[in-house]
């Protein structure tokens, strides 16, 4: 070296040399040059032995420190900054010595631009797709963050990939395995986890799926896979494990619909999860458990029916069929249905009966009226007799008189009509059970017409 510098040797404790940069830089290597004259005139190489080197930031706080421990003086000393500090921006370098005088011929600092910058003065900004660094000379991306095509970085990662050149896969804990292409955090929620976007806390026992919003309600003990939702212990009231989305058919319940509903249930219908009757009991009471048999005399739905047609009110508690015999008026044991009536109802027959009653009343009234009239006529005859008594010369003539009177009464057509009507009524009553309503009606009608005709003419 042709030029060197050294400290005064007086007043420095310890002697040191410091350089401050105009801008902060990231330094990864520092080279110190020692004074080393020709072999003929050697001078002072020991002045740099056991030197100390320190870098500091803009606040003059230490960033990196180094102390030489060699036993021999060297022409040059190269100090490499560890990876942990090489990207840390520093504002200057300080060198000190353990001896009275410090001699330096040259100090060189090598480094990189600050992360995200490039160029001779590190004033150019790297493409954001390059991440935190790019080539310091041309700015091209050495690797891409969230893209897969260095150095241009213009092809974005697939939805399930992320990171440098898209070499990392999104976590399966992300919903549909989708994540941010640059950071890797889940961008559509969690699958089987409930703390988006990081997705590290598993779902509680009874939940699953997107941010644990799904319920394992169709599963035995509500236990299912946290990500797929498939029941891992079987279905509860459903028949197609592990999906468990097809309800049990009517009459079945329980794990994978293996069990039949109790015959105590009305229509053999029960809750598909618990098996308890859901439409009432059949031959049993205490709904919905349906475990108490109907009391004697009752049967059917919730024991609300009574064994009314059976002797001693004794019947089967489920079907209602009589156990011993039918009550009087019922037939077809054990069903015991009502016996049919001996006389069938007939509207025409009812009309004839009503008409017959009316004629009977009218006929009785006519007879009474006829008797009164006869009595009045006889009284008149007697009066006339007193005034002008007949000449009964012999008993024979008197007897003949009364005979003629009785004959006249007997031959009275009005009286004969009533007698004919009464006979017709008696005949109707006898023929009623022979189901001849039309004949009876015809005879009654003829008698009535005759009665009315004679009565009108007589009076």
Protein backbone atom coordinates (compact mmCIF):
# COMPACT_ATOMS: atom_id res chain seq x y z
CA UNK A 1 0.00 0.00 0.00
CA UNK A 2 1.31 3.42 -0.87
CA UNK A 3 -0.90 5.30 1.57
CA UNK A 4 -1.83 4.44 5.09
CA UNK A 5 -3.13 6.27 8.12
CA UNK A 6 -2.68 5.83 11.82
CA UNK A 7 -3.86 7.35 15.02
CA UNK A 8 -1.82 9.92 16.90
CA UNK A 9 -0.93 7.48 19.59
CA UNK A 10 -1.75 9.99 22.33
CA UNK A 11 -5.19 10.52 23.90
CA UNK A 12 -7.10 7.72 22.15
CA UNK A 13 -8.23 5.03 24.54
CA UNK A 14 -8.51 2.77 22.74
CA UNK A 15 -7.39 4.16 19.40
CA UNK A 16 -10.21 3.81 16.76
CA UNK A 17 -11.30 4.69 13.26
CA UNK A 18 -14.96 5.31 12.19
CA UNK A 19 -16.74 5.83 8.86
CA UNK A 20 -20.39 6.93 8.49
CA UNK A 21 -22.40 6.29 5.28
CA UNK A 22 -24.55 8.86 3.58
CA UNK A 23 -27.32 6.21 3.28
CA UNK A 24 -28.02 2.99 5.07
CA UNK A 25 -26.69 -0.16 3.43
CA UNK A 26 -26.82 -3.90 3.91
CA UNK A 27 -23.20 -5.10 4.25
CA UNK A 28 -22.19 -8.74 4.13
CA UNK A 29 -18.39 -8.51 3.93
CA UNK A 30 -15.70 -6.05 5.19
CA UNK A 31 -11.98 -6.13 4.15
CA UNK A 32 -9.19 -4.33 6.11
CA UNK A 33 -5.73 -3.72 4.61
CA UNK A 34 -2.70 -3.65 6.98
CA UNK A 35 0.58 -1.76 6.60
CA UNK A 36 3.18 -4.16 5.39
CA UNK A 37 6.36 -2.62 4.00
CA UNK A 38 8.98 -4.52 2.02
CA UNK A 39 10.87 -7.32 3.61
CA UNK A 40 13.93 -5.12 3.76
CA UNK A 41 12.21 -2.45 5.76
CA UNK A 42 9.38 -4.05 7.65
CA UNK A 43 7.23 -1.70 9.74
CA UNK A 44 4.39 -1.93 12.09
CA UNK A 45 2.23 -4.87 10.94
CA UNK A 46 1.45 -5.66 14.56
CA UNK A 47 -0.55 -2.47 14.96
CA UNK A 48 -3.65 -4.13 13.43
CA UNK A 49 -3.37 -7.38 15.36
CA UNK A 50 -6.32 -8.17 17.67
CA UNK A 51 -8.39 -5.31 16.18
CA UNK A 52 -12.07 -4.92 16.92
CA UNK A 53 -14.75 -4.22 14.25
CA UNK A 54 -18.34 -3.07 14.81
CA UNK A 55 -21.21 -2.00 12.59
CA UNK A 56 -23.96 0.31 13.83
CA UNK A 57 -27.34 1.57 12.67
CA UNK A 58 -28.67 5.07 12.26
CA UNK A 59 -29.08 5.36 16.03
CA UNK A 60 -25.46 4.30 16.54
CA UNK A 61 -26.59 1.10 18.22
CA UNK A 62 -24.35 -1.94 17.53
CA UNK A 63 -25.57 -4.37 14.86
CA UNK A 64 -22.55 -6.68 14.42
CA UNK A 65 -19.26 -7.03 16.33
CA UNK A 66 -16.00 -8.91 15.60
CA UNK A 67 -12.58 -9.25 17.41
CA UNK A 68 -9.44 -10.66 15.75
CA UNK A 69 -7.89 -13.54 17.72
CA UNK A 70 -4.94 -14.38 15.45
CA UNK A 71 -1.32 -14.63 16.66
CA UNK A 72 0.23 -13.46 13.39
CA UNK A 73 -0.19 -10.16 11.59
CA UNK A 74 -1.81 -10.42 8.14
CA UNK A 75 -1.65 -8.18 5.09
CA UNK A 76 -5.46 -8.27 4.72
CA UNK A 77 -8.26 -9.20 7.05
CA UNK A 78 -11.63 -10.29 5.64
CA UNK A 79 -14.64 -10.24 8.00
CA UNK A 80 -17.85 -11.97 6.84
CA UNK A 81 -21.12 -10.79 8.30
CA UNK A 82 -23.38 -13.68 9.42
CA UNK A 83 -26.58 -14.32 7.50
CA UNK A 84 -28.66 -13.06 10.38
CA UNK A 85 -27.17 -9.57 10.06
CA UNK A 86 -26.21 -9.29 6.43
CA UNK A 87 -29.59 -7.90 5.40
CA UNK A 88 -29.69 -5.45 8.28
CA UNK A 89 -29.14 -1.90 7.18
CA UNK A 90 -26.13 -0.22 8.81
CA UNK A 91 -25.06 3.39 8.92
CA UNK A 92 -21.30 2.97 9.58
CA UNK A 93 -18.24 0.95 10.62
CA UNK A 94 -15.88 1.37 13.56
CA UNK A 95 -12.41 -0.23 13.99
CA UNK A 96 -10.36 -0.11 17.20
CA UNK A 97 -7.06 -1.57 18.45
CA UNK A 98 -5.71 -3.03 21.67
CA UNK A 99 -2.34 -1.34 21.21
CA UNK A 100 -1.38 2.30 21.49
CA UNK A 101 -1.45 3.08 17.75
CA UNK A 102 -3.94 1.87 15.09
CA UNK A 103 -2.75 1.77 11.47
CA UNK A 104 -5.06 1.24 8.46
CA UNK A 105 -4.22 1.40 4.79
CA UNK A 106 -7.67 0.75 3.34
CA UNK A 107 -11.18 -0.44 4.38
CA UNK A 108 -13.64 -1.93 1.89
CA UNK A 109 -17.30 -2.76 2.58
CA UNK A 110 -19.19 -5.12 0.29
CA UNK A 111 -22.85 -5.73 0.47
CA UNK A 112 -26.25 -5.84 -1.14
CA UNK A 113 -28.92 -3.30 -1.65
CA UNK A 114 -31.59 -3.12 0.96
CA UNK A 115 -34.32 -5.70 0.48
CA UNK A 116 -36.65 -4.68 -2.34
CA UNK A 117 -34.07 -2.34 -4.02
CA UNK A 118 -31.49 -2.69 -6.74
CA UNK A 119 -29.06 -0.68 -8.87
CA UNK A 120 -25.70 1.00 -8.32
CA UNK A 121 -27.06 3.20 -5.61
CA UNK A 122 -29.85 0.79 -4.60
CA UNK A 123 -32.52 3.33 -5.40
CA UNK A 124 -34.59 1.15 -7.73
CA UNK A 125 -37.51 -0.85 -6.33
CA UNK A 126 -37.82 -4.55 -7.04
CA UNK A 127 -41.02 -5.94 -8.57
CA UNK A 128 -43.41 -6.90 -5.71
CA UNK A 129 -43.63 -10.37 -7.23
CA UNK A 130 -39.96 -10.83 -6.43
CA UNK A 131 -40.68 -10.79 -2.77
CA UNK A 132 -38.04 -9.01 -0.71
CA UNK A 133 -35.11 -9.14 -3.17
CA UNK A 134 -34.11 -9.03 -6.81
CA UNK A 135 -30.90 -8.96 -8.82
CA UNK A 136 -28.95 -5.91 -7.58
CA UNK A 137 -27.66 -5.14 -11.05
CA UNK A 138 -30.74 -5.60 -13.32
CA UNK A 139 -33.66 -5.88 -10.92
CA UNK A 140 -34.89 -9.24 -12.29
CA UNK A 141 -36.55 -11.56 -9.85
CA UNK A 142 -34.36 -14.37 -8.76
CA UNK A 143 -37.48 -16.03 -7.41
CA UNK A 144 -41.18 -15.22 -7.42
CA UNK A 145 -43.54 -14.90 -4.47
CA UNK A 146 -47.03 -16.07 -5.40
CA UNK A 147 -45.99 -16.58 -9.01
CA UNK A 148 -44.40 -19.48 -10.85
CA UNK A 149 -42.41 -17.94 -13.70
CA UNK A 150 -39.14 -16.26 -12.62
CA UNK A 151 -37.65 -13.86 -13.53
CA UNK A 152 -40.78 -12.23 -15.03
CA UNK A 153 -43.18 -13.56 -12.34
CA UNK A 154 -46.29 -13.11 -14.43
CA UNK A 155 -48.06 -16.48 -13.89
CA UNK A 156 -49.98 -16.61 -10.63
CA UNK A 157 -50.00 -19.71 -8.44
CA UNK A 158 -52.90 -22.18 -8.59
CA UNK A 159 -55.52 -21.77 -5.85
CA UNK A 160 -54.00 -24.59 -3.78
CA UNK A 161 -50.38 -23.39 -4.05
CA UNK A 162 -48.39 -20.52 -2.63
CA UNK A 163 -44.92 -19.18 -1.79
CA UNK A 164 -41.64 -18.95 -3.72
CA UNK A 165 -42.24 -20.04 -7.30
CA UNK A 166 -45.48 -21.70 -6.05
CA UNK A 167 -43.56 -24.62 -4.63
CA UNK A 168 -45.71 -24.96 -1.48
CA UNK A 169 -49.19 -26.47 -1.22
CA UNK A 170 -51.95 -24.86 0.76
CA UNK A 171 -52.85 -26.63 3.98
CA UNK A 172 -55.67 -29.18 3.95
CA UNK A 173 -56.97 -27.28 6.97
CA UNK A 174 -57.99 -24.52 4.53
CA UNK A 175 -61.50 -24.81 3.11
CA UNK A 176 -61.27 -26.39 -0.39
CA UNK A 177 -57.50 -26.18 0.23
CA UNK A 178 -57.43 -22.56 -0.89
CA UNK A 179 -54.93 -20.03 0.48
CA UNK A 180 -53.27 -16.71 -0.23
CA UNK A 181 -50.61 -17.25 -2.92
CA UNK A 182 -48.08 -15.02 -1.13
CA UNK A 183 -48.63 -15.73 2.57
CA UNK A 184 -50.22 -19.20 2.59
CA UNK A 185 -52.99 -18.24 5.05
CA UNK A 186 -56.46 -19.65 4.32
CA UNK A 187 -58.43 -17.16 2.26
CA UNK A 188 -61.83 -18.93 2.10
CA UNK A 189 -62.08 -20.14 5.68
CA UNK A 190 -61.09 -23.28 7.54
CA UNK A 191 -62.07 -26.90 6.98
CA UNK A 192 -62.45 -28.70 10.30
CA UNK A 193 -60.99 -25.75 12.19
CA UNK A 194 -62.60 -22.64 13.59
CA UNK A 195 -59.98 -19.85 13.67
CA UNK A 196 -59.65 -18.44 10.12
CA UNK A 197 -57.39 -17.49 8.43
CA UNK A 198 -54.79 -19.47 10.39
CA UNK A 199 -56.94 -22.56 10.98
CA UNK A 200 -55.07 -24.19 13.83
CA UNK A 201 -57.86 -24.82 16.38
CA UNK A 202 -59.87 -28.03 15.64
CA UNK A 203 -63.68 -28.08 15.64
CA UNK A 204 -65.51 -29.10 18.83
CA UNK A 205 -66.72 -32.72 18.99
CA UNK A 206 -70.19 -32.24 17.49
CA UNK A 207 -69.28 -29.91 14.59
CA UNK A 208 -67.40 -30.10 11.32
CA UNK A 209 -66.66 -28.40 7.99
CA UNK A 210 -66.35 -24.75 7.03
CA UNK A 211 -65.31 -22.87 10.17
CA UNK A 212 -67.04 -25.67 12.16
CA UNK A 213 -70.51 -24.51 11.11
CA UNK A 214 -71.69 -28.03 10.20
CA UNK A 215 -73.42 -30.26 12.75
CA UNK A 216 -72.91 -34.00 13.22
CA UNK A 217 -76.63 -34.26 14.10
CA UNK A 218 -77.30 -37.31 11.90
CA UNK A 219 -74.53 -39.34 13.54
CA UNK A 220 -74.49 -41.67 16.51
CA UNK A 221 -73.32 -39.67 19.56
CA UNK A 222 -73.04 -36.71 17.13
CA UNK A 223 -69.56 -37.94 16.22
CA UNK A 224 -68.17 -37.31 12.72
CA UNK A 225 -65.02 -36.53 10.77
CA UNK A 226 -64.12 -32.86 11.27
CA UNK A 227 -63.43 -32.22 7.61
CA UNK A 228 -65.72 -34.54 5.62
CA UNK A 229 -68.64 -34.70 8.09
CA UNK A 230 -68.93 -38.46 7.57
CA UNK A 231 -70.32 -40.28 10.61
CA UNK A 232 -67.57 -42.40 12.15
CA UNK A 233 -69.84 -44.38 14.53
CA UNK A 234 -72.89 -44.91 12.31
CA UNK A 235 -76.11 -43.02 11.52
CA UNK A 236 -78.76 -41.97 14.01
CA UNK A 237 -82.16 -42.28 12.35
CA UNK A 238 -80.63 -42.50 8.88
CA UNK A 239 -79.84 -45.52 6.75
CA UNK A 240 -76.78 -44.89 4.57
CA UNK A 241 -73.56 -44.60 6.60
CA UNK A 242 -71.24 -42.78 6.60
CA UNK A 243 -73.08 -40.09 4.61
CA UNK A 244 -76.26 -40.52 6.69
CA UNK A 245 -78.63 -38.34 4.67
CA UNK A 246 -81.46 -40.83 3.95
CA UNK A 247 -84.10 -40.95 6.69
CA UNK A 248 -85.36 -44.26 8.06
CA UNK A 249 -88.51 -45.54 6.38
CA UNK A 250 -91.69 -45.60 8.46
CA UNK A 251 -91.57 -48.31 11.13
CA UNK A 252 -87.76 -48.27 11.55
CA UNK A 253 -85.45 -46.30 13.84
CA UNK A 254 -82.01 -46.10 15.52
CA UNK A 255 -78.46 -46.88 14.38
CA UNK A 256 -78.51 -47.22 10.60
CA UNK A 257 -82.30 -47.92 10.87
CA UNK A 258 -81.69 -51.40 12.25
CA UNK A 259 -84.61 -51.48 14.70
CA UNK A 260 -88.38 -51.83 14.19
CA UNK A 261 -90.87 -49.60 15.97
CA UNK A 262 -92.87 -51.28 18.75
CA UNK A 263 -96.19 -52.91 17.94
CA UNK A 264 -97.54 -50.84 20.84
CA UNK A 265 -97.28 -47.77 18.59
CA UNK A 266 -100.24 -46.66 16.51
CA UNK A 267 -99.61 -47.53 12.85
CA UNK A 268 -96.27 -48.97 14.04
CA UNK A 269 -94.88 -45.42 13.77
CA UNK A 270 -92.14 -44.03 16.02
CA UNK A 271 -89.46 -41.34 16.23
CA UNK A 272 -86.55 -42.42 14.03
CA UNK A 273 -83.98 -41.31 16.61
CA UNK A 274 -85.42 -42.44 19.97
CA UNK A 275 -87.91 -45.13 18.94
CA UNK A 276 -90.72 -43.67 21.08
CA UNK A 277 -94.22 -43.69 19.56
CA UNK A 278 -95.05 -40.49 17.68
CA UNK A 279 -98.66 -41.08 16.50
CA UNK A 280 -100.16 -42.53 19.68
CA UNK A 281 -100.50 -46.00 21.22
CA UNK A 282 -102.37 -49.05 19.92
CA UNK A 283 -103.91 -51.15 22.68
CA UNK A 284 -101.75 -49.37 25.24
CA UNK A 285 -101.84 -46.18 27.29
CA UNK A 286 -99.19 -43.78 28.67
CA UNK A 287 -98.24 -42.09 25.37
CA UNK A 288 -95.50 -41.79 24.07
CA UNK A 289 -93.96 -44.71 25.98
CA UNK A 290 -97.07 -46.86 25.35
CA UNK A 291 -96.07 -49.38 28.02
CA UNK A 292 -99.36 -49.74 29.94
CA UNK A 293 -101.91 -52.20 28.55
CA UNK A 294 -105.50 -50.97 28.20
CA UNK A 295 -107.70 -51.59 31.25
CA UNK A 296 -110.47 -54.24 30.86
CA UNK A 297 -113.34 -52.90 28.78
CA UNK A 298 -111.16 -50.61 26.65
CA UNK A 299 -109.15 -51.04 23.46
CA UNK A 300 -107.51 -49.33 20.45
CA UNK A 301 -105.87 -45.91 20.02
CA UNK A 302 -104.68 -44.74 23.46
CA UNK A 303 -107.41 -47.02 24.98
CA UNK A 304 -110.19 -44.59 24.01
CA UNK A 305 -112.58 -47.25 22.57
CA UNK A 306 -114.97 -49.35 24.69
CA UNK A 307 -115.93 -53.03 24.31
CA UNK A 308 -119.65 -52.12 24.10
CA UNK A 309 -120.85 -55.05 21.94
CA UNK A 310 -119.25 -57.78 24.03
CA UNK A 311 -120.53 -59.81 26.94
CA UNK A 312 -119.04 -58.48 30.20
CA UNK A 313 -117.39 -55.73 28.12
CA UNK A 314 -114.50 -58.14 27.45
CA UNK A 315 -112.50 -57.71 24.22
CA UNK A 316 -108.98 -57.80 22.76
CA UNK A 317 -107.09 -54.63 23.82
CA UNK A 318 -105.65 -54.12 20.30
CA UNK A 319 -108.31 -55.25 17.79
CA UNK A 320 -111.43 -54.75 19.91
CA UNK A 321 -112.76 -58.24 18.99
CA UNK A 322 -114.97 -59.75 21.68
CA UNK A 323 -113.28 -62.33 23.89
CA UNK A 324 -116.25 -64.48 25.00
CA UNK A 325 -119.54 -63.72 23.23
CA UNK A 326 -121.65 -60.94 21.74
CA UNK A 327 -124.25 -58.90 23.63
CA UNK A 328 -127.93 -59.48 22.78
CA UNK A 329 -128.74 -57.76 19.51
CA UNK A 330 -125.28 -58.36 18.02
CA UNK A 331 -124.06 -61.18 15.74
CA UNK A 332 -120.91 -62.48 13.95
CA UNK A 333 -118.68 -63.26 16.93
CA UNK A 334 -115.99 -62.05 17.59
CA UNK A 335 -116.70 -58.90 15.54
CA UNK A 336 -120.19 -58.64 17.06
CA UNK A 337 -121.89 -56.33 14.59
CA UNK A 338 -125.50 -55.14 15.16
CA UNK A 339 -128.21 -57.63 14.07
CA UNK A 340 -130.44 -56.42 11.17
CA UNK A 341 -134.01 -55.22 12.07
CA UNK A 342 -136.90 -57.80 11.50
CA UNK A 343 -139.05 -55.22 9.78
CA UNK A 344 -137.38 -53.12 7.21
CA UNK A 345 -138.23 -49.48 7.08
CA UNK A 346 -140.38 -48.63 4.05
CA UNK A 347 -141.60 -45.07 3.37
CA UNK A 348 -144.73 -46.30 1.51
CA UNK A 349 -145.62 -48.67 4.35
CA UNK A 350 -145.27 -45.86 6.87
CA UNK A 351 -147.67 -43.77 4.74
CA UNK A 352 -150.23 -46.60 4.68
CA UNK A 353 -150.01 -47.01 8.45
CA UNK A 354 -150.54 -43.30 8.98
CA UNK A 355 -153.50 -43.31 6.59
CA UNK A 356 -154.99 -46.34 8.34
CA UNK A 357 -154.85 -44.59 11.70
CA UNK A 358 -156.58 -41.55 10.25
CA UNK A 359 -159.33 -43.72 8.69
CA UNK A 360 -159.80 -45.58 11.97
CA UNK A 361 -160.35 -42.34 13.85
CA UNK A 362 -162.76 -41.08 11.18
CA UNK A 363 -164.69 -44.36 11.20
CA UNK A 364 -165.05 -44.33 14.99
CA UNK A 365 -166.31 -40.75 14.86
CA UNK A 366 -168.87 -41.73 12.15
CA UNK A 367 -170.22 -44.64 14.19
CA UNK A 368 -170.73 -42.38 17.21
CA UNK A 369 -172.45 -39.84 14.99
CA UNK A 370 -174.65 -42.55 13.44
CA UNK A 371 -175.71 -43.84 16.85
CA UNK A 372 -176.68 -40.33 17.94
CA UNK A 373 -178.70 -39.82 14.78
CA UNK A 374 -180.41 -43.16 15.17
CA UNK A 375 -181.29 -42.37 18.75
CA UNK A 376 -182.75 -39.01 17.71
CA UNK A 377 -184.77 -40.64 14.91
CA UNK A 378 -186.12 -43.29 17.24
CA UNK A 379 -187.14 -40.67 19.74
CA UNK A 380 -189.04 -38.85 17.00
CA UNK A 381 -190.76 -42.06 15.97
CA UNK A 382 -191.85 -42.72 19.52
CA UNK A 383 -193.31 -39.26 19.77
CA UNK A 384 -195.21 -39.76 16.59
CA UNK A 385 -196.38 -43.12 17.89
CA UNK A 386 -197.79 -41.50 20.97
CA UNK A 387 -199.63 -39.04 18.85
CA UNK A 388 -200.83 -41.62 16.36
CA UNK A 389 -200.12 -45.08 17.70
CA UNK A 390 -200.18 -47.83 15.21
CA UNK A 391 -202.79 -50.37 15.20
CA UNK A 392 -201.21 -53.52 16.56
CA UNK A 393 -203.94 -55.97 16.47
CA UNK A 394 -201.78 -58.91 17.01
CA UNK A 395 -198.38 -59.71 18.45
CA UNK A 396 -197.34 -60.77 15.02
CA UNK A 397 -197.74 -57.32 13.61
CA UNK A 398 -195.54 -55.87 16.43
CA UNK A 399 -192.81 -58.37 15.85
CA UNK A 400 -192.89 -57.63 12.13
CA UNK A 401 -192.40 -53.96 12.85
CA UNK A 402 -189.22 -54.49 14.82
CA UNK A 403 -187.96 -57.00 12.28
CA UNK A 404 -188.31 -54.44 9.53
CA UNK A 405 -186.49 -51.89 11.66
CA UNK A 406 -183.49 -54.18 12.31
CA UNK A 407 -183.35 -55.12 8.62
CA UNK A 408 -183.24 -51.47 7.67
CA UNK A 409 -180.40 -50.82 10.09
CA UNK A 410 -178.46 -53.89 8.98
CA UNK A 411 -178.77 -52.91 5.33
CA UNK A 412 -177.53 -49.37 6.00
CA UNK A 413 -174.70 -48.93 3.43
CA UNK A 414 -172.83 -46.39 5.63
CA UNK A 415 -172.55 -48.89 8.46
CA UNK A 416 -171.46 -51.57 5.99
CA UNK A 417 -168.63 -49.29 4.79
CA UNK A 418 -167.26 -48.89 8.31
CA UNK A 419 -167.48 -52.60 8.88
CA UNK A 420 -165.59 -53.20 5.61
CA UNK A 421 -162.93 -50.68 6.64
CA UNK A 422 -162.41 -52.31 10.06
CA UNK A 423 -162.02 -55.67 8.33
CA UNK A 424 -159.46 -54.17 5.98
CA UNK A 425 -157.48 -52.83 8.96
CA UNK A 426 -157.41 -56.25 10.56
CA UNK A 427 -156.29 -57.80 7.27
CA UNK A 428 -153.52 -55.12 6.89
CA UNK A 429 -152.21 -55.88 10.37
CA UNK A 430 -152.07 -59.60 9.64
CA UNK A 431 -150.39 -59.11 6.25
CA UNK A 432 -147.94 -56.47 7.44
CA UNK A 433 -145.28 -59.04 8.29
CA UNK A 434 -145.68 -60.62 4.82
CA UNK A 435 -144.31 -57.46 3.24
CA UNK A 436 -147.39 -56.72 1.02
CA UNK A 437 -147.63 -52.97 1.54
CA UNK A 438 -149.02 -52.23 -1.92
CA UNK A 439 -151.96 -54.65 -1.56
CA UNK A 440 -152.83 -53.34 1.89
CA UNK A 441 -152.61 -49.81 0.63
CA UNK A 442 -154.94 -50.61 -2.29
CA UNK A 443 -157.58 -52.22 -0.04
CA UNK A 444 -157.39 -49.41 2.50
CA UNK A 445 -157.78 -46.88 -0.25
CA UNK A 446 -160.89 -48.62 -1.69
CA UNK A 447 -162.47 -48.83 1.70
CA UNK A 448 -161.75 -45.18 2.38
CA UNK A 449 -163.24 -44.08 -0.94
CA UNK A 450 -166.36 -46.08 -0.31
CA UNK A 451 -166.63 -44.69 3.20
CA UNK A 452 -166.28 -41.11 2.06
CA UNK A 453 -168.78 -41.55 -0.86
CA UNK A 454 -171.53 -43.02 1.31
CA UNK A 455 -170.93 -40.56 4.11
CA UNK A 456 -171.29 -37.57 1.79
CA UNK A 457 -174.47 -38.95 0.22
CA UNK A 458 -175.93 -39.79 3.61
CA UNK A 459 -175.42 -36.43 5.15
